[in-house]
Every structure is written in structure tokens, then in C-alpha cells.
Amino acid sequence: MNDLAKQFGANLRQVRKGKGISQDNLALLAEIDRSYIGRIERGEVNITLDKAYQLACALECDLVELLPPLSKA
């Protein structure tokens, strides 16, 4: 998968763990399947904006905390 998906997944994992939330609990809070959360964190899937917002809301963080930094081409 692309670097953006991997970076998003790493940021998601960091924020989730920093808040002491398990993948199971995040899945319940965000109403997303737990196995899909794992695939997101491993950067195996490209998620929609809807899913990204669901995750940010469930983690009570700004979406920008989950997004990879902009890189100049």
C-alpha cells in the first residue's frame, strides 16, 4: 500500500495507544469492524474521508492529528 496509508495508520495507532484505547474499543466507538481497524493501522487499505472522521470523532481528536504531514513534491 502507499506511504500515505501507512503514515495514516501509524498516526492512528499512536493516537489510539496514547489514549489507552484498544483496537476493540476503538472499533466499537467508531462503529468500524475491529479487523478493519487493524488493516488501517497496518496501512493495508485506503479509507474514505467518512471513516477518517469517524475515527477522529471516536478518538476525540482533530482529524489533522491522524493525517500525514504534507510533503513538497
Protein backbone atom coordinates (compact mmCIF):
# COMPACT_ATOMS: atom_id res chain seq x y z
CA MET A 1 0.00 0.00 0.00
CA ASN A 2 1.13 3.58 -0.42
CA ASP A 3 3.11 5.61 2.07
CA LEU A 4 0.16 7.86 2.93
CA ALA A 5 -1.93 4.89 4.10
CA LYS A 6 0.98 3.59 6.17
CA GLN A 7 1.61 7.00 7.73
CA PHE A 8 -2.09 7.47 8.49
CA GLY A 9 -2.17 4.03 10.09
CA ALA A 10 0.91 4.74 12.20
CA ASN A 11 -0.59 8.04 13.36
CA LEU A 12 -3.88 6.33 14.18
CA ARG A 13 -2.09 3.69 16.24
CA GLN A 14 -0.02 6.32 18.07
CA VAL A 15 -3.06 8.42 18.99
CA ARG A 16 -5.11 5.36 19.95
CA LYS A 17 -2.39 3.94 22.18
CA GLY A 18 -1.68 7.37 23.65
CA LYS A 19 -5.28 7.50 24.80
CA GLY A 20 -5.14 3.96 26.18
CA ILE A 21 -7.81 2.66 23.79
CA SER A 22 -7.69 -0.88 22.43
CA GLN A 23 -8.47 -1.72 18.82
CA ASP A 24 -11.62 -3.46 20.06
CA ASN A 25 -12.81 -0.37 21.92
CA LEU A 26 -11.97 1.92 19.02
CA ALA A 27 -13.93 -0.36 16.71
CA LEU A 28 -16.96 -0.09 19.00
CA LEU A 29 -16.65 3.68 19.38
CA ALA A 30 -16.19 4.30 15.64
CA GLU A 31 -18.65 1.59 14.55
CA ILE A 32 -15.97 0.03 12.33
CA ASP A 33 -15.05 -3.67 12.29
CA ARG A 34 -12.05 -4.43 14.53
CA SER A 35 -10.21 -6.32 11.81
CA TYR A 36 -10.62 -3.29 9.54
CA ILE A 37 -9.06 -1.08 12.24
CA GLY A 38 -6.04 -3.41 12.21
CA ARG A 39 -5.80 -3.21 8.42
CA ILE A 40 -5.97 0.60 8.59
CA GLU A 41 -3.21 0.72 11.21
CA ARG A 42 -1.01 -1.53 9.07
CA GLY A 43 -1.59 0.71 6.05
CA GLU A 44 -3.21 -2.07 4.05
CA VAL A 45 -6.25 -0.07 2.98
CA ASN A 46 -7.12 3.42 1.75
CA ILE A 47 -10.01 4.69 3.81
CA THR A 48 -12.70 7.20 2.94
CA LEU A 49 -12.99 10.64 4.49
CA ASP A 50 -16.12 9.42 6.28
CA LYS A 51 -14.12 6.67 8.01
CA ALA A 52 -11.30 9.09 8.85
CA TYR A 53 -13.80 11.44 10.51
CA GLN A 54 -15.45 8.55 12.36
CA LEU A 55 -12.05 7.58 13.77
CA ALA A 56 -11.17 11.15 14.75
CA CYS A 57 -14.53 11.57 16.49
CA ALA A 58 -14.16 8.26 18.30
CA LEU A 59 -10.67 9.28 19.48
CA GLU A 60 -11.87 12.81 20.33
CA CYS A 61 -9.06 14.34 18.33
CA ASP A 62 -8.74 16.64 15.34
CA LEU A 63 -8.53 14.81 12.05
CA VAL A 64 -5.28 16.64 11.32
CA GLU A 65 -3.62 14.62 14.13
CA LEU A 66 -4.21 11.47 12.09
CA LEU A 67 -3.19 12.84 8.70
CA PRO A 68 0.37 12.52 7.44
CA PRO A 69 2.27 15.81 7.09
CA LEU A 70 2.29 17.47 3.70
CA SER A 71 5.40 16.84 1.69
CA LYS A 72 6.59 19.15 -1.02
CA ALA A 73 6.97 17.44 -4.36
